[in-house]
Every structure is written in C-alpha cells, then in structure tokens.
Amino acid sequence: MVVSRFGSLIIEPLLKVISFLKFEDYKKFVIASQKDPKIELLSEVNNTYRTVISLFSLVLLLKLYAFLASKYGFSDNIGFIILLILLLILFLFSYKKQTGFVTKRVKLNS
C-alpha cells in the first residue's frame, strides 16, 4: 500500500511535471469508461506499472538513506521517527486525493 501511494502522490506528479505523462480530464475518463469498460482495465495496468516504478524508486531511496546513515551515524530512533512522519504525511495526502476523486465522481453523477 505504501509503495502504491508513493507512486500515486510522488512518481505520477513528477512524471507529469517533466512532461513524461499526459492525462485526459477526469470527466472525460469517466464518460469514456462508461462507453468502453476496457479503459478501466487499462488504467489498472497503468497503475501496476506505476507501482513497480515506485518500488524501484523507494529501494533506491532506502539504499541512499542507509549510505547516509552509515556515513553520518544517524540513530535508529531518528530513522524510525522520520519514517513514521513521512508515512503519516503520505497517507494524509492519499486520503485527501481519494476524497477528491469521490467528490468529483459524485458531482459528475448528480
């Protein structure tokens, strides 16, 4: 779940900023999905690839952290506290993003 959320909140927006990805408007996605159910399957496959990219990115970040921790002598307690704070922030923004999707969906269907 953490890997998936990291991909959704960090990797995807980063790839959009550097113009690697381009998305259609969410309203168009919803309408097109009703006409062609395969779009949702293709979207799930996209999300799987994003999660794999996220996994590799997190492994690289973990290795970087391990290198820096050994070089500068970070304590395990500090690392654990940093991890908890980052996870809290990650899931707060995930909750906000998901609430936005629900709100958009309700507006489109009311």
PDB file of N, CA and C in Angstrom:
ATOM      1  N   MET A   1       0.826  -1.185   0.000  1.00  0.00           N
ATOM      2  CA  MET A   1       0.000   0.000   0.000  1.00  0.00           C
ATOM      3  C   MET A   1       0.874   1.254   0.000  1.00  0.00           C
ATOM      4  N   VAL A   2       1.946   1.230   0.784  1.00  0.00           N
ATOM      5  CA  VAL A   2       2.850   2.387   0.843  1.00  0.00           C
ATOM      6  C   VAL A   2       3.484   2.636  -0.517  1.00  0.00           C
ATOM      7  N   VAL A   3       3.912   1.577  -1.159  1.00  0.00           N
ATOM      8  CA  VAL A   3       4.552   1.704  -2.467  1.00  0.00           C
ATOM      9  C   VAL A   3       3.574   2.296  -3.481  1.00  0.00           C
ATOM     10  N   SER A   4       2.344   1.805  -3.456  1.00  0.00           N
ATOM     11  CA  SER A   4       1.326   2.318  -4.373  1.00  0.00           C
ATOM     12  C   SER A   4       1.037   3.795  -4.122  1.00  0.00           C
ATOM     13  N   ARG A   5       0.895   4.170  -2.880  1.00  0.00           N
ATOM     14  CA  ARG A   5       0.613   5.576  -2.545  1.00  0.00           C
ATOM     15  C   ARG A   5       1.780   6.476  -2.922  1.00  0.00           C
ATOM     16  N   PHE A   6       3.004   6.010  -2.712  1.00  0.00           N
ATOM     17  CA  PHE A   6       4.179   6.784  -3.102  1.00  0.00           C
ATOM     18  C   PHE A   6       4.149   7.038  -4.613  1.00  0.00           C
ATOM     19  N   GLY A   7       3.776   6.015  -5.363  1.00  0.00           N
ATOM     20  CA  GLY A   7       3.678   6.167  -6.814  1.00  0.00           C
ATOM     21  C   GLY A   7       2.617   7.165  -7.221  1.00  0.00           C
ATOM     22  N   SER A   8       1.480   7.111  -6.535  1.00  0.00           N
ATOM     23  CA  SER A   8       0.371   7.990  -6.866  1.00  0.00           C
ATOM     24  C   SER A   8       0.649   9.447  -6.507  1.00  0.00           C
ATOM     25  N   LEU A   9       1.301   9.665  -5.382  1.00  0.00           N
ATOM     26  CA  LEU A   9       1.488  11.032  -4.890  1.00  0.00           C
ATOM     27  C   LEU A   9       2.824  11.665  -5.258  1.00  0.00           C
ATOM     28  N   ILE A  10       3.808  10.850  -5.557  1.00  0.00           N
ATOM     29  CA  ILE A  10       5.148  11.383  -5.850  1.00  0.00           C
ATOM     30  C   ILE A  10       5.556  11.103  -7.301  1.00  0.00           C
ATOM     31  N   ILE A  11       5.542   9.830  -7.677  1.00  0.00           N
ATOM     32  CA  ILE A  11       6.044   9.439  -9.004  1.00  0.00           C
ATOM     33  C   ILE A  11       5.172  10.020 -10.122  1.00  0.00           C
ATOM     34  N   GLU A  12       3.848   9.807 -10.027  1.00  0.00           N
ATOM     35  CA  GLU A  12       2.960  10.286 -11.101  1.00  0.00           C
ATOM     36  C   GLU A  12       3.038  11.800 -11.298  1.00  0.00           C
ATOM     37  N   PRO A  13       2.904  12.610 -10.230  1.00  0.00           N
ATOM     38  CA  PRO A  13       3.015  14.061 -10.435  1.00  0.00           C
ATOM     39  C   PRO A  13       4.385  14.488 -10.979  1.00  0.00           C
ATOM     40  N   LEU A  14       5.438  13.812 -10.530  1.00  0.00           N
ATOM     41  CA  LEU A  14       6.779  14.129 -11.032  1.00  0.00           C
ATOM     42  C   LEU A  14       6.868  13.861 -12.530  1.00  0.00           C
ATOM     43  N   LEU A  15       6.326  12.733 -12.963  1.00  0.00           N
ATOM     44  CA  LEU A  15       6.355  12.402 -14.387  1.00  0.00           C
ATOM     45  C   LEU A  15       5.487  13.358 -15.211  1.00  0.00           C
ATOM     46  N   LYS A  16       4.420  13.878 -14.596  1.00  0.00           N
ATOM     47  CA  LYS A  16       3.600  14.887 -15.283  1.00  0.00           C
ATOM     48  C   LYS A  16       4.374  16.197 -15.418  1.00  0.00           C
ATOM     49  N   VAL A  17       5.060  16.613 -14.361  1.00  0.00           N
ATOM     50  CA  VAL A  17       5.805  17.879 -14.363  1.00  0.00           C
ATOM     51  C   VAL A  17       6.887  17.880 -15.429  1.00  0.00           C
ATOM     52  N   ILE A  18       7.561  16.746 -15.602  1.00  0.00           N
ATOM     53  CA  ILE A  18       8.629  16.692 -16.600  1.00  0.00           C
ATOM     54  C   ILE A  18       8.091  16.336 -17.987  1.00  0.00           C
ATOM     55  N   SER A  19       6.758  16.344 -18.120  1.00  0.00           N
ATOM     56  CA  SER A  19       6.061  16.080 -19.384  1.00  0.00           C
ATOM     57  C   SER A  19       6.317  14.686 -19.944  1.00  0.00           C
ATOM     58  N   PHE A  20       6.576  13.737 -19.071  1.00  0.00           N
ATOM     59  CA  PHE A  20       6.726  12.348 -19.492  1.00  0.00           C
ATOM     60  C   PHE A  20       5.351  11.714 -19.694  1.00  0.00           C
ATOM     61  N   LEU A  21       4.372  12.193 -18.909  1.00  0.00           N
ATOM     62  CA  LEU A  21       3.000  11.696 -18.985  1.00  0.00           C
ATOM     63  C   LEU A  21       2.032  12.830 -19.275  1.00  0.00           C
ATOM     64  N   LYS A  22       0.939  12.476 -19.939  1.00  0.00           N
ATOM     65  CA  LYS A  22      -0.149  13.427 -20.152  1.00  0.00           C
ATOM     66  C   LYS A  22      -1.454  12.678 -19.901  1.00  0.00           C
ATOM     67  N   PHE A  23      -2.307  13.256 -19.087  1.00  0.00           N
ATOM     68  CA  PHE A  23      -3.575  12.632 -18.751  1.00  0.00           C
ATOM     69  C   PHE A  23      -4.726  13.430 -19.353  1.00  0.00           C
ATOM     70  N   GLU A  24      -5.830  12.751 -19.589  1.00  0.00           N
ATOM     71  CA  GLU A  24      -7.062  13.409 -20.008  1.00  0.00           C
ATOM     72  C   GLU A  24      -7.799  13.903 -18.762  1.00  0.00           C
ATOM     73  N   ASP A  25      -8.723  14.795 -18.979  1.00  0.00           N
ATOM     74  CA  ASP A  25      -9.576  15.298 -17.918  1.00  0.00           C
ATOM     75  C   ASP A  25     -10.342  14.136 -17.273  1.00  0.00           C
ATOM     76  N   TYR A  26     -10.504  14.189 -15.956  1.00  0.00           N
ATOM     77  CA  TYR A  26     -11.172  13.099 -15.234  1.00  0.00           C
ATOM     78  C   TYR A  26     -12.603  12.882 -15.724  1.00  0.00           C
ATOM     79  N   LYS A  27     -13.304  13.969 -16.037  1.00  0.00           N
ATOM     80  CA  LYS A  27     -14.685  13.851 -16.543  1.00  0.00           C
ATOM     81  C   LYS A  27     -14.702  13.045 -17.837  1.00  0.00           C
ATOM     82  N   LYS A  28     -13.754  13.314 -18.724  1.00  0.00           N
ATOM     83  CA  LYS A  28     -13.666  12.559 -19.981  1.00  0.00           C
ATOM     84  C   LYS A  28     -13.369  11.082 -19.706  1.00  0.00           C
ATOM     85  N   PHE A  29     -12.517  10.831 -18.707  1.00  0.00           N
ATOM     86  CA  PHE A  29     -12.181   9.451 -18.333  1.00  0.00           C
ATOM     87  C   PHE A  29     -13.429   8.702 -17.874  1.00  0.00           C
ATOM     88  N   VAL A  30     -14.222   9.344 -17.027  1.00  0.00           N
ATOM     89  CA  VAL A  30     -15.433   8.701 -16.504  1.00  0.00           C
ATOM     90  C   VAL A  30     -16.416   8.396 -17.633  1.00  0.00           C
ATOM     91  N   ILE A  31     -16.631   9.357 -18.507  1.00  0.00           N
ATOM     92  CA  ILE A  31     -17.564   9.168 -19.627  1.00  0.00           C
ATOM     93  C   ILE A  31     -17.058   8.070 -20.562  1.00  0.00           C
ATOM     94  N   ALA A  32     -15.776   8.112 -20.884  1.00  0.00           N
ATOM     95  CA  ALA A  32     -15.197   7.109 -21.788  1.00  0.00           C
ATOM     96  C   ALA A  32     -15.238   5.717 -21.154  1.00  0.00           C
ATOM     97  N   SER A  33     -15.035   5.632 -19.836  1.00  0.00           N
ATOM     98  CA  SER A  33     -15.068   4.339 -19.139  1.00  0.00           C
ATOM     99  C   SER A  33     -16.453   3.712 -19.192  1.00  0.00           C
ATOM    100  N   GLN A  34     -17.483   4.544 -19.196  1.00  0.00           N
ATOM    101  CA  GLN A  34     -18.849   4.018 -19.297  1.00  0.00           C
ATOM    102  C   GLN A  34     -19.109   3.457 -20.691  1.00  0.00           C
ATOM    103  N   LYS A  35     -18.475   4.037 -21.691  1.00  0.00           N
ATOM    104  CA  LYS A  35     -18.659   3.576 -23.067  1.00  0.00           C
ATOM    105  C   LYS A  35     -17.759   2.378 -23.389  1.00  0.00           C
ATOM    106  N   ASP A  36     -16.574   2.361 -22.792  1.00  0.00           N
ATOM    107  CA  ASP A  36     -15.595   1.305 -23.072  1.00  0.00           C
ATOM    108  C   ASP A  36     -15.036   0.783 -21.748  1.00  0.00           C
ATOM    109  N   PRO A  37     -15.594  -0.305 -21.223  1.00  0.00           N
ATOM    110  CA  PRO A  37     -15.160  -0.835 -19.923  1.00  0.00           C
ATOM    111  C   PRO A  37     -13.684  -1.263 -19.885  1.00  0.00           C
ATOM    112  N   LYS A  38     -13.100  -1.498 -21.044  1.00  0.00           N
ATOM    113  CA  LYS A  38     -11.695  -1.915 -21.080  1.00  0.00           C
ATOM    114  C   LYS A  38     -10.763  -0.790 -20.610  1.00  0.00           C
ATOM    115  N   ILE A  39     -11.219   0.452 -20.667  1.00  0.00           N
ATOM    116  CA  ILE A  39     -10.403   1.578 -20.222  1.00  0.00           C
ATOM    117  C   ILE A  39     -10.032   1.424 -18.751  1.00  0.00           C
ATOM    118  N   GLU A  40     -10.974   0.965 -17.929  1.00  0.00           N
ATOM    119  CA  GLU A  40     -10.672   0.785 -16.507  1.00  0.00           C
ATOM    120  C   GLU A  40      -9.617  -0.289 -16.298  1.00  0.00           C
ATOM    121  N   LEU A  41      -9.682  -1.371 -17.083  1.00  0.00           N
ATOM    122  CA  LEU A  41      -8.658  -2.413 -17.003  1.00  0.00           C
ATOM    123  C   LEU A  41      -7.298  -1.856 -17.407  1.00  0.00           C
ATOM    124  N   LEU A  42      -7.271  -1.095 -18.490  1.00  0.00           N
ATOM    125  CA  LEU A  42      -6.014  -0.490 -18.938  1.00  0.00           C
ATOM    126  C   LEU A  42      -5.472   0.481 -17.888  1.00  0.00           C
ATOM    127  N   SER A  43      -6.353   1.186 -17.216  1.00  0.00           N
ATOM    128  CA  SER A  43      -5.943   2.095 -16.151  1.00  0.00           C
ATOM    129  C   SER A  43      -5.331   1.327 -14.980  1.00  0.00           C
ATOM    130  N   GLU A  44      -5.917   0.179 -14.645  1.00  0.00           N
ATOM    131  CA  GLU A  44      -5.354  -0.659 -13.581  1.00  0.00           C
ATOM    132  C   GLU A  44      -3.953  -1.149 -13.946  1.00  0.00           C
ATOM    133  N   VAL A  45      -3.768  -1.536 -15.209  1.00  0.00           N
ATOM    134  CA  VAL A  45      -2.442  -1.971 -15.664  1.00  0.00           C
ATOM    135  C   VAL A  45      -1.455  -0.808 -15.553  1.00  0.00           C
ATOM    136  N   ASN A  46      -1.880   0.393 -15.950  1.00  0.00           N
ATOM    137  CA  ASN A  46      -1.038   1.584 -15.795  1.00  0.00           C
ATOM    138  C   ASN A  46      -0.620   1.760 -14.344  1.00  0.00           C
ATOM    139  N   ASN A  47      -1.583   1.620 -13.442  1.00  0.00           N
ATOM    140  CA  ASN A  47      -1.288   1.798 -12.027  1.00  0.00           C
ATOM    141  C   ASN A  47      -0.319   0.735 -11.509  1.00  0.00           C
ATOM    142  N   THR A  48      -0.398  -0.467 -12.066  1.00  0.00           N
ATOM    143  CA  THR A  48       0.550  -1.520 -11.682  1.00  0.00           C
ATOM    144  C   THR A  48       1.965  -1.131 -12.100  1.00  0.00           C
ATOM    145  N   TYR A  49       2.114  -0.629 -13.313  1.00  0.00           N
ATOM    146  CA  TYR A  49       3.441  -0.177 -13.760  1.00  0.00           C
ATOM    147  C   TYR A  49       3.957   0.967 -12.894  1.00  0.00           C
ATOM    148  N   ARG A  50       3.080   1.890 -12.546  1.00  0.00           N
ATOM    149  CA  ARG A  50       3.469   3.000 -11.677  1.00  0.00           C
ATOM    150  C   ARG A  50       3.939   2.487 -10.326  1.00  0.00           C
ATOM    151  N   THR A  51       3.281   1.455  -9.804  1.00  0.00           N
ATOM    152  CA  THR A  51       3.669   0.884  -8.514  1.00  0.00           C
ATOM    153  C   THR A  51       5.038   0.210  -8.600  1.00  0.00           C
ATOM    154  N   VAL A  52       5.316  -0.446  -9.697  1.00  0.00           N
ATOM    155  CA  VAL A  52       6.641  -1.072  -9.885  1.00  0.00           C
ATOM    156  C   VAL A  52       7.725   0.003  -9.949  1.00  0.00           C
ATOM    157  N   ILE A  53       7.462   1.077 -10.687  1.00  0.00           N
ATOM    158  CA  ILE A  53       8.403   2.203 -10.747  1.00  0.00           C
ATOM    159  C   ILE A  53       8.615   2.778  -9.351  1.00  0.00           C
ATOM    160  N   SER A  54       7.541   2.890  -8.605  1.00  0.00           N
ATOM    161  CA  SER A  54       7.602   3.396  -7.242  1.00  0.00           C
ATOM    162  C   SER A  54       8.453   2.489  -6.357  1.00  0.00           C
ATOM    163  N   LEU A  55       8.279   1.184  -6.496  1.00  0.00           N
ATOM    164  CA  LEU A  55       9.064   0.225  -5.712  1.00  0.00           C
ATOM    165  C   LEU A  55      10.561   0.410  -5.963  1.00  0.00           C
ATOM    166  N   PHE A  56      10.939   0.476  -7.224  1.00  0.00           N
ATOM    167  CA  PHE A  56      12.359   0.659  -7.543  1.00  0.00           C
ATOM    168  C   PHE A  56      12.882   1.985  -7.005  1.00  0.00           C
ATOM    169  N   SER A  57      12.064   3.020  -7.084  1.00  0.00           N
ATOM    170  CA  SER A  57      12.458   4.336  -6.555  1.00  0.00           C
ATOM    171  C   SER A  57      12.652   4.287  -5.044  1.00  0.00           C
ATOM    172  N   LEU A  58      11.743   3.616  -4.352  1.00  0.00           N
ATOM    173  CA  LEU A  58      11.858   3.518  -2.894  1.00  0.00           C
ATOM    174  C   LEU A  58      13.053   2.678  -2.464  1.00  0.00           C
ATOM    175  N   VAL A  59      13.345   1.626  -3.213  1.00  0.00           N
ATOM    176  CA  VAL A  59      14.538   0.817  -2.903  1.00  0.00           C
ATOM    177  C   VAL A  59      15.793   1.682  -3.060  1.00  0.00           C
ATOM    178  N   LEU A  60      15.835   2.488  -4.125  1.00  0.00           N
ATOM    179  CA  LEU A  60      16.972   3.398  -4.309  1.00  0.00           C
ATOM    180  C   LEU A  60      17.074   4.405  -3.160  1.00  0.00           C
ATOM    181  N   LEU A  61      15.934   4.960  -2.749  1.00  0.00           N
ATOM    182  CA  LEU A  61      15.935   5.908  -1.625  1.00  0.00           C
ATOM    183  C   LEU A  61      16.363   5.237  -0.324  1.00  0.00           C
ATOM    184  N   LEU A  62      15.926   4.001  -0.125  1.00  0.00           N
ATOM    185  CA  LEU A  62      16.330   3.257   1.069  1.00  0.00           C
ATOM    186  C   LEU A  62      17.835   3.018   1.087  1.00  0.00           C
ATOM    187  N   LYS A  63      18.388   2.665  -0.056  1.00  0.00           N
ATOM    188  CA  LYS A  63      19.841   2.469  -0.145  1.00  0.00           C
ATOM    189  C   LYS A  63      20.589   3.775   0.110  1.00  0.00           C
ATOM    190  N   LEU A  64      20.061   4.866  -0.420  1.00  0.00           N
ATOM    191  CA  LEU A  64      20.664   6.174  -0.180  1.00  0.00           C
ATOM    192  C   LEU A  64      20.621   6.516   1.305  1.00  0.00           C
ATOM    193  N   TYR A  65      19.467   6.273   1.941  1.00  0.00           N
ATOM    194  CA  TYR A  65      19.347   6.532   3.375  1.00  0.00           C
ATOM    195  C   TYR A  65      20.344   5.677   4.159  1.00  0.00           C
ATOM    196  N   ALA A  66      20.465   4.397   3.822  1.00  0.00           N
ATOM    197  CA  ALA A  66      21.398   3.503   4.519  1.00  0.00           C
ATOM    198  C   ALA A  66      22.831   4.011   4.374  1.00  0.00           C
ATOM    199  N   PHE A  67      23.171   4.475   3.180  1.00  0.00           N
ATOM    200  CA  PHE A  67      24.509   5.018   2.958  1.00  0.00           C
ATOM    201  C   PHE A  67      24.748   6.256   3.824  1.00  0.00           C
ATOM    202  N   LEU A  68      23.778   7.183   3.800  1.00  0.00           N
ATOM    203  CA  LEU A  68      23.913   8.413   4.592  1.00  0.00           C
ATOM    204  C   LEU A  68      23.912   8.124   6.092  1.00  0.00           C
ATOM    205  N   ALA A  69      23.090   7.169   6.524  1.00  0.00           N
ATOM    206  CA  ALA A  69      23.031   6.814   7.947  1.00  0.00           C
ATOM    207  C   ALA A  69      24.355   6.248   8.419  1.00  0.00           C
ATOM    208  N   SER A  70      24.989   5.422   7.593  1.00  0.00           N
ATOM    209  CA  SER A  70      26.274   4.856   8.000  1.00  0.00           C
ATOM    210  C   SER A  70      27.378   5.908   7.947  1.00  0.00           C
ATOM    211  N   LYS A  71      27.287   6.810   6.992  1.00  0.00           N
ATOM    212  CA  LYS A  71      28.314   7.848   6.860  1.00  0.00           C
ATOM    213  C   LYS A  71      28.221   8.889   7.970  1.00  0.00           C
ATOM    214  N   TYR A  72      26.980   9.279   8.341  1.00  0.00           N
ATOM    215  CA  TYR A  72      26.796  10.345   9.321  1.00  0.00           C
ATOM    216  C   TYR A  72      26.315   9.850  10.679  1.00  0.00           C
ATOM    217  N   GLY A  73      26.124   8.551  10.836  1.00  0.00           N
ATOM    218  CA  GLY A  73      25.794   7.975  12.127  1.00  0.00           C
ATOM    219  C   GLY A  73      24.417   8.318  12.665  1.00  0.00           C
ATOM    220  N   PHE A  74      23.391   8.286  11.809  1.00  0.00           N
ATOM    221  CA  PHE A  74      22.019   8.504  12.289  1.00  0.00           C
ATOM    222  C   PHE A  74      21.643   7.365  13.234  1.00  0.00           C
ATOM    223  N   SER A  75      20.914   7.687  14.280  1.00  0.00           N
ATOM    224  CA  SER A  75      20.458   6.631  15.185  1.00  0.00           C
ATOM    225  C   SER A  75      19.225   5.958  14.597  1.00  0.00           C
ATOM    226  N   ASP A  76      18.977   4.727  15.039  1.00  0.00           N
ATOM    227  CA  ASP A  76      17.793   4.005  14.566  1.00  0.00           C
ATOM    228  C   ASP A  76      16.513   4.712  15.000  1.00  0.00           C
ATOM    229  N   ASN A  77      16.536   5.320  16.180  1.00  0.00           N
ATOM    230  CA  ASN A  77      15.342   6.022  16.672  1.00  0.00           C
ATOM    231  C   ASN A  77      14.981   7.195  15.770  1.00  0.00           C
ATOM    232  N   ILE A  78      15.975   7.956  15.358  1.00  0.00           N
ATOM    233  CA  ILE A  78      15.726   9.099  14.464  1.00  0.00           C
ATOM    234  C   ILE A  78      15.163   8.596  13.134  1.00  0.00           C
ATOM    235  N   GLY A  79      15.744   7.549  12.600  1.00  0.00           N
ATOM    236  CA  GLY A  79      15.267   6.982  11.340  1.00  0.00           C
ATOM    237  C   GLY A  79      13.829   6.510  11.451  1.00  0.00           C
ATOM    238  N   PHE A  80      13.484   5.884  12.569  1.00  0.00           N
ATOM    239  CA  PHE A  80      12.121   5.393  12.781  1.00  0.00           C
ATOM    240  C   PHE A  80      11.133   6.549  12.885  1.00  0.00           C
ATOM    241  N   ILE A  81      11.507   7.592  13.597  1.00  0.00           N
ATOM    242  CA  ILE A  81      10.638   8.768  13.736  1.00  0.00           C
ATOM    243  C   ILE A  81      10.431   9.447  12.386  1.00  0.00           C
ATOM    244  N   ILE A  82      11.501   9.589  11.623  1.00  0.00           N
ATOM    245  CA  ILE A  82      11.391  10.184  10.281  1.00  0.00           C
ATOM    246  C   ILE A  82      10.462   9.344   9.408  1.00  0.00           C
ATOM    247  N   LEU A  83      10.624   8.019   9.467  1.00  0.00           N
ATOM    248  CA  LEU A  83       9.777   7.127   8.683  1.00  0.00           C
ATOM    249  C   LEU A  83       8.305   7.279   9.058  1.00  0.00           C
ATOM    250  N   LEU A  84       8.012   7.322  10.352  1.00  0.00           N
ATOM    251  CA  LEU A  84       6.620   7.485  10.792  1.00  0.00           C
ATOM    252  C   LEU A  84       6.031   8.811  10.327  1.00  0.00           C
ATOM    253  N   ILE A  85       6.800   9.867  10.419  1.00  0.00           N
ATOM    254  CA  ILE A  85       6.320  11.183   9.970  1.00  0.00           C
ATOM    255  C   ILE A  85       6.052  11.162   8.468  1.00  0.00           C
ATOM    256  N   LEU A  86       6.972  10.587   7.700  1.00  0.00           N
ATOM    257  CA  LEU A  86       6.787  10.517   6.247  1.00  0.00           C
ATOM    258  C   LEU A  86       5.569   9.670   5.872  1.00  0.00           C
ATOM    259  N   LEU A  87       5.368   8.562   6.581  1.00  0.00           N
ATOM    260  CA  LEU A  87       4.199   7.726   6.305  1.00  0.00           C
ATOM    261  C   LEU A  87       2.901   8.441   6.657  1.00  0.00           C
ATOM    262  N   LEU A  88       2.911   9.166   7.762  1.00  0.00           N
ATOM    263  CA  LEU A  88       1.732   9.943   8.145  1.00  0.00           C
ATOM    264  C   LEU A  88       1.398  10.967   7.062  1.00  0.00           C
ATOM    265  N   ILE A  89       2.407  11.694   6.606  1.00  0.00           N
ATOM    266  CA  ILE A  89       2.200  12.695   5.554  1.00  0.00           C
ATOM    267  C   ILE A  89       1.707  12.026   4.270  1.00  0.00           C
ATOM    268  N   LEU A  90       2.316  10.908   3.909  1.00  0.00           N
ATOM    269  CA  LEU A  90       1.937  10.184   2.695  1.00  0.00           C
ATOM    270  C   LEU A  90       0.462   9.798   2.727  1.00  0.00           C
ATOM    271  N   PHE A  91       0.008   9.256   3.848  1.00  0.00           N
ATOM    272  CA  PHE A  91      -1.373   8.799   3.912  1.00  0.00           C
ATOM    273  C   PHE A  91      -2.363   9.932   4.129  1.00  0.00           C
ATOM    274  N   LEU A  92      -1.936  11.028   4.729  1.00  0.00           N
ATOM    275  CA  LEU A  92      -2.808  12.202   4.797  1.00  0.00           C
ATOM    276  C   LEU A  92      -3.122  12.716   3.390  1.00  0.00           C
ATOM    277  N   PHE A  93      -2.085  12.823   2.564  1.00  0.00           N
ATOM    278  CA  PHE A  93      -2.295  13.294   1.199  1.00  0.00           C
ATOM    279  C   PHE A  93      -3.028  12.256   0.342  1.00  0.00           C
ATOM    280  N   SER A  94      -2.820  10.978   0.630  1.00  0.00           N
ATOM    281  CA  SER A  94      -3.565   9.936  -0.084  1.00  0.00           C
ATOM    282  C   SER A  94      -5.050  10.041   0.218  1.00  0.00           C
ATOM    283  N   TYR A  95      -5.361  10.283   1.469  1.00  0.00           N
ATOM    284  CA  TYR A  95      -6.751  10.432   1.886  1.00  0.00           C
ATOM    285  C   TYR A  95      -7.381  11.651   1.208  1.00  0.00           C
ATOM    286  N   LYS A  96      -6.625  12.736   1.164  1.00  0.00           N
ATOM    287  CA  LYS A  96      -7.115  13.954   0.504  1.00  0.00           C
ATOM    288  C   LYS A  96      -7.368  13.703  -0.980  1.00  0.00           C
ATOM    289  N   LYS A  97      -6.436  13.027  -1.643  1.00  0.00           N
ATOM    290  CA  LYS A  97      -6.579  12.752  -3.073  1.00  0.00           C
ATOM    291  C   LYS A  97      -7.786  11.851  -3.333  1.00  0.00           C
ATOM    292  N   GLN A  98      -7.959  10.809  -2.532  1.00  0.00           N
ATOM    293  CA  GLN A  98      -9.071   9.886  -2.723  1.00  0.00           C
ATOM    294  C   GLN A  98     -10.409  10.582  -2.478  1.00  0.00           C
ATOM    295  N   THR A  99     -10.451  11.450  -1.485  1.00  0.00           N
ATOM    296  CA  THR A  99     -11.663  12.219  -1.210  1.00  0.00           C
ATOM    297  C   THR A  99     -12.005  13.100  -2.407  1.00  0.00           C
ATOM    298  N   GLY A 100     -10.987  13.654  -3.053  1.00  0.00           N
ATOM    299  CA  GLY A 100     -11.209  14.457  -4.256  1.00  0.00           C
ATOM    300  C   GLY A 100     -11.819  13.640  -5.379  1.00  0.00           C
ATOM    301  N   PHE A 101     -11.348  12.391  -5.555  1.00  0.00           N
ATOM    302  CA  PHE A 101     -11.919  11.527  -6.592  1.00  0.00           C
ATOM    303  C   PHE A 101     -13.379  11.218  -6.299  1.00  0.00           C
ATOM    304  N   VAL A 102     -13.681  10.922  -5.040  1.00  0.00           N
ATOM    305  CA  VAL A 102     -15.063  10.619  -4.664  1.00  0.00           C
ATOM    306  C   VAL A 102     -15.954  11.836  -4.917  1.00  0.00           C
ATOM    307  N   THR A 103     -15.473  13.002  -4.520  1.00  0.00           N
ATOM    308  CA  THR A 103     -16.233  14.244  -4.706  1.00  0.00           C
ATOM    309  C   THR A 103     -16.485  14.506  -6.196  1.00  0.00           C
ATOM    310  N   LYS A 104     -15.447  14.351  -7.029  1.00  0.00           N
ATOM    311  CA  LYS A 104     -15.624  14.564  -8.472  1.00  0.00           C
ATOM    312  C   LYS A 104     -16.644  13.579  -9.047  1.00  0.00           C
ATOM    313  N   ARG A 105     -16.554  12.353  -8.600  1.00  0.00           N
ATOM    314  CA  ARG A 105     -17.455  11.309  -9.112  1.00  0.00           C
ATOM    315  C   ARG A 105     -18.901  11.613  -8.732  1.00  0.00           C
ATOM    316  N   VAL A 106     -19.102  12.058  -7.497  1.00  0.00           N
ATOM    317  CA  VAL A 106     -20.451  12.409  -7.047  1.00  0.00           C
ATOM    318  C   VAL A 106     -20.992  13.583  -7.862  1.00  0.00           C
ATOM    319  N   LYS A 107     -20.157  14.597  -8.093  1.00  0.00           N
ATOM    320  CA  LYS A 107     -20.593  15.761  -8.880  1.00  0.00           C
ATOM    321  C   LYS A 107     -20.955  15.357 -10.308  1.00  0.00           C
ATOM    322  N   LEU A 108     -20.169  14.445 -10.891  1.00  0.00           N
ATOM    323  CA  LEU A 108     -20.443  14.013 -12.268  1.00  0.00           C
ATOM    324  C   LEU A 108     -21.749  13.225 -12.371  1.00  0.00           C
ATOM    325  N   ASN A 109     -22.116  12.565 -11.293  1.00  0.00           N
ATOM    326  CA  ASN A 109     -23.296  11.691 -11.343  1.00  0.00           C
ATOM    327  C   ASN A 109     -24.510  12.273 -10.634  1.00  0.00           C
ATOM    328  N   SER A 110     -24.472  13.548 -10.300  1.00  0.00           N
ATOM    329  CA  SER A 110     -25.659  14.124  -9.647  1.00  0.00           C
ATOM    330  C   SER A 110     -26.318  15.176 -10.501  1.00  0.00           C
TER     331      SER A 110
END
